[in-house]
């Protein structure tokens, strides 16, 4: 699972038929202090997230297909939750 923020959406005039009607999002992974962590990724949307939402992304093809209810679709990442807040007990941080 990846924690991140939605930076935008992707519009594709041509795409694989199994992706038809699917909303694609640009997600910037974040660390637990909300600082950017690595490069942005593309993810399909299963929770109606939008720009500015902090989200949880499942980044594993088999799980992504299960969440979206599809078989053999070319999906590696899917937004599975919108984060309202994060609470961490400081004793578990390095």
C-alpha atoms as a PDB file:
ATOM      1  CA  UNK A   1       0.000   0.000   0.000  1.00  0.00           C
ATOM      2  CA  UNK A   2       1.101   3.503  -0.781  1.00  0.00           C
ATOM      3  CA  UNK A   3       0.004   6.733   0.900  1.00  0.00           C
ATOM      4  CA  UNK A   4      -0.203   9.697  -1.470  1.00  0.00           C
ATOM      5  CA  UNK A   5      -2.023  12.750  -2.762  1.00  0.00           C
ATOM      6  CA  UNK A   6      -3.969  13.105  -6.008  1.00  0.00           C
ATOM      7  CA  UNK A   7      -2.193  15.619  -8.243  1.00  0.00           C
ATOM      8  CA  UNK A   8      -4.477  15.348 -11.262  1.00  0.00           C
ATOM      9  CA  UNK A   9      -6.375  13.192 -13.712  1.00  0.00           C
ATOM     10  CA  UNK A  10      -5.424  11.572 -17.000  1.00  0.00           C
ATOM     11  CA  UNK A  11      -7.487  11.997 -20.167  1.00  0.00           C
ATOM     12  CA  UNK A  12      -6.757   9.441 -22.883  1.00  0.00           C
ATOM     13  CA  UNK A  13      -8.500   9.599 -26.236  1.00  0.00           C
ATOM     14  CA  UNK A  14      -7.343   6.029 -26.988  1.00  0.00           C
ATOM     15  CA  UNK A  15      -6.768   3.297 -24.405  1.00  0.00           C
ATOM     16  CA  UNK A  16      -7.140  -0.432 -23.863  1.00  0.00           C
ATOM     17  CA  UNK A  17     -10.808  -1.484 -24.131  1.00  0.00           C
ATOM     18  CA  UNK A  18     -10.784  -2.907 -20.584  1.00  0.00           C
ATOM     19  CA  UNK A  19     -10.052   0.600 -19.297  1.00  0.00           C
ATOM     20  CA  UNK A  20     -13.071   2.152 -21.008  1.00  0.00           C
ATOM     21  CA  UNK A  21     -14.982   4.378 -18.594  1.00  0.00           C
ATOM     22  CA  UNK A  22     -12.303   4.058 -15.923  1.00  0.00           C
ATOM     23  CA  UNK A  23     -11.055   7.223 -14.208  1.00  0.00           C
ATOM     24  CA  UNK A  24      -7.239   7.429 -14.094  1.00  0.00           C
ATOM     25  CA  UNK A  25      -5.451   9.548 -11.492  1.00  0.00           C
ATOM     26  CA  UNK A  26      -1.937  10.921 -11.029  1.00  0.00           C
ATOM     27  CA  UNK A  27      -0.800  10.123  -7.469  1.00  0.00           C
ATOM     28  CA  UNK A  28       2.255  11.590  -5.727  1.00  0.00           C
ATOM     29  CA  UNK A  29       3.467   9.154  -3.041  1.00  0.00           C
ATOM     30  CA  UNK A  30       4.042  10.847   0.333  1.00  0.00           C
ATOM     31  CA  UNK A  31       5.957  10.013   3.492  1.00  0.00           C
ATOM     32  CA  UNK A  32       4.194  10.174   6.861  1.00  0.00           C
ATOM     33  CA  UNK A  33       5.076  13.877   7.136  1.00  0.00           C
ATOM     34  CA  UNK A  34       3.274  14.566   3.821  1.00  0.00           C
ATOM     35  CA  UNK A  35       6.537  15.173   1.940  1.00  0.00           C
ATOM     36  CA  UNK A  36       6.855  13.846  -1.652  1.00  0.00           C
ATOM     37  CA  UNK A  37       8.401  10.387  -1.841  1.00  0.00           C
ATOM     38  CA  UNK A  38       9.636   9.372  -5.291  1.00  0.00           C
ATOM     39  CA  UNK A  39       7.942   9.863  -8.636  1.00  0.00           C
ATOM     40  CA  UNK A  40       4.212  10.140  -9.365  1.00  0.00           C
ATOM     41  CA  UNK A  41       2.316   7.008 -10.375  1.00  0.00           C
ATOM     42  CA  UNK A  42      -0.894   6.408 -12.322  1.00  0.00           C
ATOM     43  CA  UNK A  43      -3.760   4.629 -10.591  1.00  0.00           C
ATOM     44  CA  UNK A  44      -7.324   3.723 -11.450  1.00  0.00           C
ATOM     45  CA  UNK A  45      -9.977   5.112  -9.110  1.00  0.00           C
ATOM     46  CA  UNK A  46     -12.359   2.937  -7.092  1.00  0.00           C
ATOM     47  CA  UNK A  47     -13.461   5.529  -4.503  1.00  0.00           C
ATOM     48  CA  UNK A  48     -14.240   8.693  -6.491  1.00  0.00           C
ATOM     49  CA  UNK A  49     -11.113  10.525  -5.307  1.00  0.00           C
ATOM     50  CA  UNK A  50     -10.106  13.844  -6.796  1.00  0.00           C
ATOM     51  CA  UNK A  51      -7.271  16.369  -6.907  1.00  0.00           C
ATOM     52  CA  UNK A  52      -6.006  17.248  -3.431  1.00  0.00           C
ATOM     53  CA  UNK A  53      -7.366  14.108  -1.750  1.00  0.00           C
ATOM     54  CA  UNK A  54      -4.897  12.114   0.332  1.00  0.00           C
ATOM     55  CA  UNK A  55      -5.365   8.467  -0.597  1.00  0.00           C
ATOM     56  CA  UNK A  56      -4.276   4.869  -0.100  1.00  0.00           C
ATOM     57  CA  UNK A  57      -3.158   3.062  -3.256  1.00  0.00           C
ATOM     58  CA  UNK A  58      -2.927  -0.710  -3.729  1.00  0.00           C
ATOM     59  CA  UNK A  59       0.008  -1.196  -6.077  1.00  0.00           C
ATOM     60  CA  UNK A  60      -0.210  -4.836  -7.113  1.00  0.00           C
ATOM     61  CA  UNK A  61      -1.871  -6.006 -10.317  1.00  0.00           C
ATOM     62  CA  UNK A  62      -3.874  -8.962  -9.001  1.00  0.00           C
ATOM     63  CA  UNK A  63      -5.305  -6.967  -6.103  1.00  0.00           C
ATOM     64  CA  UNK A  64      -6.017  -3.988  -8.337  1.00  0.00           C
ATOM     65  CA  UNK A  65      -8.017  -6.167 -10.731  1.00  0.00           C
ATOM     66  CA  UNK A  66      -9.994  -7.663  -7.819  1.00  0.00           C
ATOM     67  CA  UNK A  67     -10.854  -4.231  -6.428  1.00  0.00           C
ATOM     68  CA  UNK A  68     -12.023  -3.051  -9.835  1.00  0.00           C
ATOM     69  CA  UNK A  69     -13.954  -6.287 -10.463  1.00  0.00           C
ATOM     70  CA  UNK A  70     -12.072  -6.982 -13.687  1.00  0.00           C
ATOM     71  CA  UNK A  71     -10.119  -9.931 -14.992  1.00  0.00           C
ATOM     72  CA  UNK A  72      -6.878  -9.469 -16.866  1.00  0.00           C
ATOM     73  CA  UNK A  73      -7.191  -5.700 -17.208  1.00  0.00           C
ATOM     74  CA  UNK A  74      -3.881  -3.833 -17.553  1.00  0.00           C
ATOM     75  CA  UNK A  75      -4.055  -2.270 -14.078  1.00  0.00           C
ATOM     76  CA  UNK A  76      -1.128  -2.188 -11.630  1.00  0.00           C
ATOM     77  CA  UNK A  77      -2.381   0.438  -9.148  1.00  0.00           C
ATOM     78  CA  UNK A  78      -5.787   1.378  -7.781  1.00  0.00           C
ATOM     79  CA  UNK A  79      -6.904   4.020  -5.277  1.00  0.00           C
ATOM     80  CA  UNK A  80      -8.692   2.062  -2.540  1.00  0.00           C
ATOM     81  CA  UNK A  81      -9.302   4.703   0.133  1.00  0.00           C
ATOM     82  CA  UNK A  82      -9.475   8.408   0.900  1.00  0.00           C
ATOM     83  CA  UNK A  83      -7.526   9.326   4.053  1.00  0.00           C
ATOM     84  CA  UNK A  84      -9.275  11.546   6.598  1.00  0.00           C
ATOM     85  CA  UNK A  85      -6.491  11.575   9.173  1.00  0.00           C
ATOM     86  CA  UNK A  86      -3.410   9.695  10.341  1.00  0.00           C
ATOM     87  CA  UNK A  87      -2.440   9.116  13.971  1.00  0.00           C
ATOM     88  CA  UNK A  88       0.913   7.522  14.781  1.00  0.00           C
ATOM     89  CA  UNK A  89       2.257   6.644  18.199  1.00  0.00           C
ATOM     90  CA  UNK A  90       5.722   8.231  18.186  1.00  0.00           C
ATOM     91  CA  UNK A  91       7.260   5.208  19.905  1.00  0.00           C
ATOM     92  CA  UNK A  92       6.878   3.284  16.607  1.00  0.00           C
ATOM     93  CA  UNK A  93       8.834   5.842  14.559  1.00  0.00           C
ATOM     94  CA  UNK A  94      12.611   5.509  14.079  1.00  0.00           C
END
